Protein backbone atom coordinates (compact mmCIF):
# COMPACT_ATOMS: atom_id res chain seq x y z
CA MET A 1 33.74 19.23 276.76
CA THR A 2 37.37 19.22 275.58
CA ARG A 3 37.79 20.80 272.14
CA VAL A 4 40.79 19.54 270.18
CA LEU A 5 42.02 20.84 266.83
CA ALA A 6 44.59 18.89 264.80
CA VAL A 7 46.70 20.83 262.30
CA ALA A 8 48.56 18.82 259.64
CA ASP A 9 50.64 19.70 256.58
CA SER A 10 52.11 16.78 254.57
CA ASP A 11 50.58 13.42 253.68
CA SER A 12 52.43 11.47 256.37
CA TYR A 13 51.68 14.00 259.11
CA LEU A 14 48.04 14.10 257.99
CA LYS A 15 47.82 10.32 258.24
CA TRP A 16 49.32 10.39 261.73
CA GLY A 17 47.43 13.42 263.02
CA ALA A 18 44.06 12.23 261.75
CA ALA A 19 44.60 8.74 263.14
CA LEU A 20 45.65 10.05 266.56
CA LEU A 21 42.63 12.34 266.57
CA ASP A 22 40.53 9.29 265.72
CA ARG A 23 41.86 7.56 268.86
CA ALA A 24 40.95 10.49 271.13
CA PRO A 25 38.11 10.02 273.64
CA GLN A 26 34.72 10.10 271.94
CA GLU A 27 33.49 12.86 274.23
CA TRP A 28 36.17 15.22 272.88
CA GLU A 29 34.99 17.61 270.18
CA ARG A 30 37.42 17.07 267.30
CA SER A 31 38.29 19.05 264.18
CA LEU A 32 41.00 18.75 261.54
CA ALA A 33 42.77 21.37 259.44
CA ILE A 34 45.38 21.04 256.70
CA LEU A 35 47.79 23.96 256.56
CA ALA A 36 48.48 25.21 253.02
CA SER A 37 52.23 24.79 252.48
CA PRO A 38 54.71 23.55 249.86
CA VAL A 39 53.94 19.95 250.90
CA LEU A 40 50.16 20.31 250.64
CA PRO A 41 48.84 16.82 249.79
CA SER A 42 46.76 16.27 246.68
CA PRO A 43 43.13 15.11 246.90
CA ASP A 44 44.27 11.53 246.23
CA GLN A 45 46.90 11.74 248.98
CA ILE A 46 44.34 13.16 251.39
CA GLU A 47 41.98 10.30 250.60
CA SER A 48 44.76 7.75 251.15
CA ALA A 49 45.87 9.38 254.40
CA LEU A 50 42.35 9.31 255.83
CA ALA A 51 41.37 5.86 254.52
CA GLY A 52 39.97 3.53 257.14
CA GLY A 53 39.55 6.20 259.80
CA SER A 54 36.69 8.29 261.10
CA ALA A 55 38.42 11.61 261.70
CA PRO A 56 36.36 14.68 260.76
CA ALA A 57 36.64 16.00 257.20
CA PRO A 58 39.64 18.32 256.99
CA VAL A 59 39.56 21.96 255.94
CA ILE A 60 42.50 23.39 254.00
CA MET A 61 43.52 26.84 255.23
CA ASP A 62 46.47 29.21 255.23
CA LEU A 63 48.21 30.42 258.38
CA SER A 64 46.03 33.52 258.70
CA ALA A 65 42.85 31.48 258.43
CA LEU A 66 44.23 29.08 261.04
CA ALA A 67 44.74 32.00 263.43
CA VAL A 68 41.15 33.09 262.84
CA ARG A 69 39.96 29.50 263.44
CA VAL A 70 41.79 29.41 266.78
CA THR A 71 40.34 32.77 267.80
CA GLU A 72 36.78 31.73 266.96
CA SER A 73 36.74 28.09 268.10
CA GLU A 74 38.93 28.49 271.21
CA PRO A 75 40.30 24.92 271.21
CA ASP A 76 41.50 23.48 274.51
CA VAL A 77 44.12 21.35 272.76
CA VAL A 78 45.93 21.85 269.46
CA LEU A 79 47.72 18.85 267.96
CA VAL A 80 50.51 20.32 265.83
CA ALA A 81 51.10 17.51 263.31
CA VAL A 82 53.50 19.28 260.96
CA ARG A 83 57.13 19.05 259.86
CA GLY A 84 59.74 20.20 262.36
CA PRO A 85 60.64 23.67 261.00
CA LEU A 86 56.95 24.57 260.73
CA VAL A 87 56.11 23.71 264.35
CA LYS A 88 57.37 26.99 265.83
CA VAL A 89 55.60 28.97 263.10
CA VAL A 90 52.28 27.29 263.91
CA VAL A 91 52.83 27.68 267.66
CA ARG A 92 53.42 31.43 267.22
CA ALA A 93 50.21 31.76 265.22
CA ILE A 94 48.24 29.82 267.84
CA VAL A 95 49.63 31.74 270.80
CA GLY A 96 49.13 35.06 269.04
CA ALA A 97 45.51 34.28 268.18
CA ALA A 98 44.27 32.57 271.33
CA ALA A 99 42.72 34.61 274.12
CA ARG A 100 43.56 31.64 276.33
CA ARG A 101 46.46 29.51 275.18
CA PRO A 102 45.53 25.90 274.42
CA VAL A 103 47.61 22.88 275.40
CA ILE A 104 50.05 22.31 272.53
CA VAL A 105 50.79 18.71 271.60
CA SER A 106 53.16 17.55 268.88
CA GLY A 107 54.86 14.36 267.79
CA LEU A 108 56.43 12.33 265.00
CA PRO A 109 54.48 10.28 262.48
CA GLY A 110 56.43 7.03 262.44
CA ILE A 111 59.68 5.36 263.43
CA SER A 112 61.66 7.93 265.45
CA ILE A 113 64.70 5.88 266.38
CA PRO A 114 67.36 7.11 266.67
CA ALA A 115 66.23 10.10 268.72
CA THR A 116 67.65 13.34 267.32
CA ARG A 117 68.40 16.76 268.77
CA MET A 118 66.54 18.50 265.95
CA ALA A 119 63.34 16.52 266.57
CA ILE A 120 63.37 17.85 270.12
CA ALA A 121 64.58 21.36 269.28
CA HIS A 122 61.91 21.95 266.62
CA ARG A 123 59.20 20.98 269.12
CA ALA A 124 60.70 22.66 272.17
CA GLN A 125 57.62 24.82 272.76
CA ALA A 126 55.18 21.91 272.68
CA ASP A 127 53.75 21.08 276.09
CA LEU A 128 53.79 17.38 275.22
CA LEU A 129 55.62 15.23 272.68
CA VAL A 130 53.80 12.02 271.70
CA LEU A 131 55.99 8.99 270.92
CA HIS A 132 55.09 5.44 270.00
CA SER A 133 57.28 2.95 271.82
CA ARG A 134 58.87 2.44 275.20
CA ARG A 135 62.24 2.66 273.51
CA GLU A 136 61.40 6.01 271.89
CA VAL A 137 60.23 7.47 275.20
CA ARG A 138 63.37 6.19 276.91
CA GLU A 139 65.84 7.40 274.28
CA PHE A 140 64.18 10.79 273.75
CA GLY A 141 64.09 11.29 277.51
CA VAL A 142 67.80 10.55 277.84
CA LEU A 143 68.64 12.87 274.95
CA ALA A 144 66.46 15.71 276.27
CA GLU A 145 68.13 15.49 279.66
CA TRP A 146 71.59 15.40 278.08
CA ILE A 147 71.01 18.57 276.04
CA GLY A 148 69.26 20.28 278.94
CA CYS A 149 65.81 20.53 277.34
CA GLU A 150 62.80 20.28 279.62
CA GLN A 151 60.20 18.27 277.76
CA ARG A 152 57.27 16.01 278.63
CA PHE A 153 56.81 12.77 276.71
CA ALA A 154 53.78 10.51 276.35
CA LEU A 155 53.25 7.04 274.94
CA ALA A 156 50.66 6.24 272.25
CA THR A 157 50.37 3.14 270.12
CA LEU A 158 50.96 4.09 266.49
CA PRO A 159 47.40 5.17 265.74
CA PHE A 160 47.13 3.89 262.19
CA LEU A 161 48.04 0.26 262.95
CA LEU A 162 45.34 -2.16 261.76
CA ALA A 163 45.51 -5.46 263.61
CA ASP A 164 44.47 -8.68 261.89
CA ARG A 165 44.23 -11.27 264.66
CA HIS A 166 42.73 -13.94 262.40
CA ARG A 167 45.64 -14.07 260.02
CA GLU A 168 48.41 -16.62 260.48
CA SER A 169 51.98 -15.33 260.48
CA ARG A 170 53.36 -17.30 257.54
CA ARG A 171 54.36 -16.85 253.92
CA HIS A 172 51.29 -16.25 251.75
CA THR A 173 50.89 -16.23 248.00
CA GLY A 174 49.73 -12.62 248.03
CA ASP A 175 51.64 -9.60 246.73
CA VAL A 176 55.12 -8.74 247.90
CA ILE A 177 54.87 -5.05 248.80
CA PHE A 178 57.96 -2.86 248.68
CA ALA A 179 57.38 0.22 250.87
CA ALA A 180 59.23 3.02 249.09
CA GLN A 181 60.64 6.02 250.95
CA ALA A 182 61.59 9.47 249.71
CA LYS A 183 64.98 9.64 251.44
CA VAL A 184 66.09 6.02 251.85
CA PRO A 185 68.05 4.91 249.93
CA ARG A 186 68.91 8.32 248.54
CA SER A 187 71.17 7.82 245.52
CA ARG A 188 69.94 6.96 242.04
CA GLU A 189 72.39 4.08 241.83
CA ASP A 190 71.13 2.45 245.01
CA ARG A 191 67.52 2.85 243.93
CA VAL A 192 68.14 1.25 240.56
CA THR A 193 69.98 -1.59 242.33
CA LEU A 194 66.97 -2.06 244.61
CA LEU A 195 64.63 -2.20 241.62
CA ARG A 196 66.84 -4.87 240.06
CA TRP A 197 66.52 -6.99 243.20
CA LEU A 198 62.75 -6.55 243.12
CA ALA A 199 62.69 -7.51 239.44
CA GLU A 200 64.71 -10.63 240.21
CA ALA A 201 62.28 -11.49 243.02
CA ALA A 202 59.38 -11.04 240.59
CA ARG A 203 60.99 -13.31 238.01
CA SER A 204 61.71 -15.97 240.64
CA ASP A 205 57.99 -16.25 241.46
CA PRO A 206 55.92 -15.23 238.40
CA ALA A 207 52.65 -16.22 240.13
CA ARG A 208 52.78 -13.33 242.60
CA ARG A 209 53.02 -9.60 242.04
CA VAL A 210 55.85 -7.47 243.41
CA VAL A 211 54.40 -4.02 244.06
CA VAL A 212 56.52 -0.90 244.45
CA LYS A 213 54.16 1.02 246.71
CA VAL A 214 54.86 4.76 246.36
CA ARG A 215 53.52 7.59 248.52
CA ALA A 216 53.14 10.12 245.72
CA ALA A 217 52.54 10.26 241.99
CA ALA A 218 54.54 12.53 239.71
CA GLY A 219 54.03 16.14 240.74
CA GLU A 220 52.65 15.36 244.20
CA ALA A 221 54.48 16.63 247.28
CA GLN A 222 55.73 14.52 250.19
CA THR A 223 57.03 15.21 253.68
CA HIS A 224 60.55 14.76 252.31
CA ALA A 225 61.48 15.67 248.75
CA GLU A 226 62.14 12.66 246.51
CA GLU A 227 64.92 13.22 244.00
CA HIS A 228 64.67 9.91 242.12
CA ASP A 229 61.16 8.61 241.47
CA TYR A 230 60.76 4.83 241.25
CA ALA A 231 58.13 5.07 238.51
CA GLU A 232 60.71 6.83 236.33
CA LEU A 233 63.68 4.71 237.42
CA ILE A 234 61.99 1.45 236.51
CA SER A 235 62.59 2.35 232.86
CA ALA A 236 66.33 2.02 233.57
CA LEU A 237 65.95 -1.73 233.97
CA GLU A 238 66.99 -3.89 231.03
CA GLU A 239 63.83 -5.96 231.32
CA VAL A 240 60.79 -5.35 233.51
CA PRO A 241 58.87 -8.52 234.40
CA PRO A 242 55.10 -8.08 233.99
CA ASN A 243 54.46 -8.87 237.67
CA LEU A 244 56.64 -5.95 238.87
CA VAL A 245 54.36 -2.92 239.15
CA VAL A 246 54.29 0.55 240.70
CA GLU A 247 51.14 1.57 242.61
CA GLY A 248 49.95 4.18 245.09
CA GLY A 249 46.99 4.20 247.46
CA PRO A 250 46.60 3.49 251.18
CA MET A 251 49.17 1.15 252.70
CA GLY A 252 46.46 -0.62 254.72
CA ARG A 253 44.67 -1.59 251.53
CA HIS A 254 47.84 -3.09 250.07
CA LEU A 255 48.67 -5.00 253.25
CA ALA A 256 45.19 -6.49 253.45
CA GLY A 257 46.03 -8.79 250.55
CA ALA A 258 49.81 -8.92 250.96
CA GLY A 259 51.93 -12.01 251.32
CA ALA A 260 54.96 -10.09 252.54
CA LEU A 261 56.43 -6.62 252.91
CA VAL A 262 59.96 -5.48 252.15
CA THR A 263 61.50 -2.11 252.97
CA VAL A 264 64.68 -0.44 254.08
CA SER A 265 63.21 1.38 257.07
CA SER A 266 59.62 2.43 256.40
CA THR A 267 57.08 2.56 259.24
CA ALA A 268 55.03 0.33 256.92
CA ALA A 269 57.06 -2.53 258.41
CA ILE A 270 55.35 -1.86 261.75
CA GLU A 271 51.97 -1.72 260.02
CA ALA A 272 52.73 -5.09 258.39
CA VAL A 273 53.73 -6.67 261.71
CA ALA A 274 50.42 -5.49 263.21
CA MET A 275 48.58 -7.28 260.39
CA ARG A 276 50.77 -10.38 260.76
CA VAL A 277 52.33 -9.92 257.34
CA PRO A 278 55.90 -11.28 257.16
CA VAL A 279 58.56 -8.57 256.80
CA LEU A 280 62.06 -8.16 255.41
CA ALA A 281 64.08 -5.04 256.32
CA LEU A 282 66.92 -4.90 253.81
CA ASP A 283 70.37 -4.33 255.30
CA ASP A 284 72.43 -4.47 252.07
CA PHE A 285 73.00 -0.71 252.28
CA GLY A 286 74.05 -0.97 255.92
CA VAL A 287 72.46 -0.20 259.26
CA SER A 288 72.87 3.42 260.29
CA PRO A 289 70.99 6.48 261.56
CA GLU A 290 71.07 7.90 258.02
CA LEU A 291 69.10 4.87 256.82
CA ILE A 292 66.69 5.12 259.79
CA ASN A 293 67.00 1.38 260.40
CA PRO A 294 68.92 0.83 263.68
CA VAL A 295 65.50 0.22 265.26
CA PHE A 296 65.39 -3.16 263.48
CA GLU A 297 68.55 -4.48 265.12
CA GLY A 298 67.59 -7.49 267.21
CA SER A 299 64.12 -7.65 265.65
CA GLY A 300 64.67 -10.73 263.52
CA LEU A 301 63.49 -8.77 260.47
CA LEU A 302 66.83 -7.68 258.97
CA GLY A 303 68.05 -9.54 255.91
CA GLY A 304 69.60 -9.10 252.50
CA SER A 305 68.65 -9.08 248.84
CA ALA A 306 69.30 -12.84 248.64
CA ASP A 307 66.46 -13.32 251.16
CA LEU A 308 64.21 -11.11 249.04
CA VAL A 309 64.85 -13.13 245.88
CA ALA A 310 64.43 -16.43 247.75
CA GLY A 311 61.20 -15.23 249.37
CA ARG A 312 62.51 -15.43 252.93
CA PHE A 313 60.59 -13.00 255.15
CA GLY A 314 60.69 -12.84 258.92
CA SER A 315 58.53 -12.59 262.02
CA PRO A 316 59.67 -10.28 264.83
CA ASP A 317 61.23 -11.28 268.13
CA ARG A 318 58.76 -11.07 271.04
CA GLU A 319 61.03 -9.05 273.36
CA TRP A 320 61.75 -6.60 270.55
CA LEU A 321 58.02 -6.18 269.97
CA LEU A 322 57.35 -5.20 273.59
CA ASP A 323 60.01 -2.48 273.50
CA ASN A 324 59.23 -1.33 269.96
CA TYR A 325 55.67 -0.26 269.10
CA PHE A 326 53.78 -3.29 270.49
CA HIS A 327 53.79 -2.50 274.21
CA GLY A 328 50.03 -2.97 274.53
CA ALA A 329 47.45 -0.20 274.42
CA GLU A 330 46.91 -0.44 278.17
CA HIS A 331 50.30 1.23 278.61
CA ASP A 332 49.36 4.27 276.50
CA ASP A 333 49.24 7.41 278.62
CA TRP A 334 48.93 10.26 276.11
CA VAL A 335 45.30 11.04 276.94
CA GLU A 336 46.04 11.10 280.68
CA ARG A 337 49.04 13.37 280.12
CA ILE A 338 46.92 15.79 278.09
CA GLU A 339 44.28 15.83 280.81
CA GLU A 340 46.99 16.62 283.38
CA LEU A 341 48.11 19.55 281.23
CA LEU A 342 44.52 20.74 280.91
CA ALA A 343 44.33 20.78 284.71
CA LEU A 344 47.54 22.84 284.86
CA ARG A 345 46.03 25.21 282.33
CA GLU A 346 42.92 25.60 284.46
CA ALA A 347 45.11 26.42 287.44
CA GLY A 348 47.05 29.03 285.44
CA ALA A 349 50.26 27.03 285.85
CA LEU A 350 50.94 26.13 282.21
CA GLN A 351 53.60 28.43 280.82
CA LEU A 352 54.84 28.60 277.23
CA LYS A 353 58.43 27.36 277.08
CA PRO A 354 61.02 29.50 275.28
CA LEU A 355 62.69 28.35 272.08
CA ARG A 356 66.21 27.04 272.65
CA SER A 357 67.66 28.13 269.30
CA GLY A 358 66.88 30.22 266.23
CA THR A 359 65.79 33.29 268.16
CA VAL A 360 68.37 35.87 267.01
CA GLY A 361 66.85 38.54 264.79
CA GLY A 362 63.55 39.30 266.51
CA ARG A 363 60.63 40.04 264.20
CA LEU A 364 62.77 39.67 261.08
CA ARG A 365 63.82 36.18 262.18
CA ARG A 366 60.20 35.21 262.82
CA ALA A 367 59.24 36.44 259.35
CA TRP A 368 62.15 34.44 257.91
CA ASP A 369 61.02 31.26 259.69
CA ARG A 370 57.51 31.71 258.34
CA LYS A 371 58.64 32.39 254.77
CA ILE A 372 61.10 29.50 254.66
CA ALA A 373 58.52 27.05 256.06
CA LEU A 374 55.55 28.22 253.96
CA GLY A 375 57.26 29.37 250.76
CA ARG A 376 54.79 30.82 248.25
CA PHE A 377 51.97 30.28 250.74
CA ASP A 378 53.35 33.13 252.86
CA ARG A 379 52.40 36.28 250.97
CA SER A 380 53.36 38.78 253.67
CA TYR A 381 55.53 41.80 252.95
CA SER A 382 57.66 41.03 256.01
CA GLY A 383 58.33 37.56 254.63
CA MET A 384 59.60 38.98 251.34
CA VAL A 385 61.85 41.45 253.19
CA ALA A 386 63.18 38.69 255.44
CA LEU A 387 63.96 36.54 252.41
CA ALA A 388 65.77 39.38 250.65
CA VAL A 389 67.89 40.06 253.72
CA GLY A 390 68.29 36.51 254.93
CA LEU A 391 69.40 34.68 251.78
CA PRO A 392 72.70 36.60 251.41
CA VAL A 393 73.34 36.35 255.15
CA ARG A 394 72.75 32.60 255.07
CA ALA A 395 75.05 32.21 252.06
CA VAL A 396 77.87 34.03 253.88
CA TYR A 397 77.30 32.02 257.06
CA ARG A 398 77.44 28.71 255.17
CA ALA A 399 80.59 29.79 253.32
CA LEU A 400 82.30 30.66 256.61
CA ARG A 401 81.23 27.36 258.11
CA ARG A 402 82.73 25.47 255.15
CA ILE A 403 85.98 27.42 255.53
CA ARG A 404 86.14 26.54 259.24
CA ARG A 405 85.56 22.85 258.47
CA VAL A 406 88.37 22.86 255.88
CA ALA A 407 90.68 24.71 258.28
């Protein structure tokens, strides 16, 4: 029997990791751990992340407890579903604790276009990187070859998609859901502008609610820090229509009764397409890698604030669907690729790949990585020493880099 342990940290990685674990073969023995870190999800976030699935109940543990868990349970596969900078820290803990190294699998929890060097570099020691569209596999493969990084990629349908085959793809009278994001758009001004558009859309159709669907309540952590909270910003509006509301909870629950979804670049757009909910991906702020929305070019889903106010939402182009997230589950190969790696492990031919960057400094550097990734959840003496030494060094390095840029 194949034993697989999924390790998650933030709410979005927990949602992805648990859902992928849920899609694993039933004969696999599955377990789920949440690593205590600065982005530890609240009980409500955990409930939302796991809603609708059947993954095993998660156990919250620190890095030391995770190492003990690996030693005792001897998993064959570890799914490292954590933020990029934490991946190498978790891999070190796993490798150091395991009498026999497990297959290490990692991945990204949503839209990963455009492919980035850092996404690959952070996960360089993973034996397999799981992606979710033909386009992602193609573009990550090209990038990995270009930077000279040897990496294996596998295809898996986004595991938390909930198909609704009985629903017609048309404009409904249900809620208009705005899928908020922590980083996009970033500025306070742009976010207030977006809320004004949503308020105008609410006033134009008083019979339907416009819901600003947020991932976290005040004080809750997210994968990416959110500087300007929509629940607070809504007070900046001159007048808030009664049918414009801010709510949390599982996205699947909101989409079940939705008439449309609007976003800038959230993966919720893919969830909505799967449930045949019309979508509008706003392009008023532009289309760029920084906005994480180039993936929607050619989809038929891009549009502006005028479309939002008029209630014009789109259905995706068929060819775009096949290349982006809707390739058909029969093309998924992530389980087969893991089984191939398990066979290599049995034959003693699975070697841990070296890190490509961030290795200067030896043990002090490893302590620094752990402290920076885990913050107050790393209570080691070596972490405190690394922080005391590393912060001044980093400040000098950044100052020199700024001087070189100016020069």
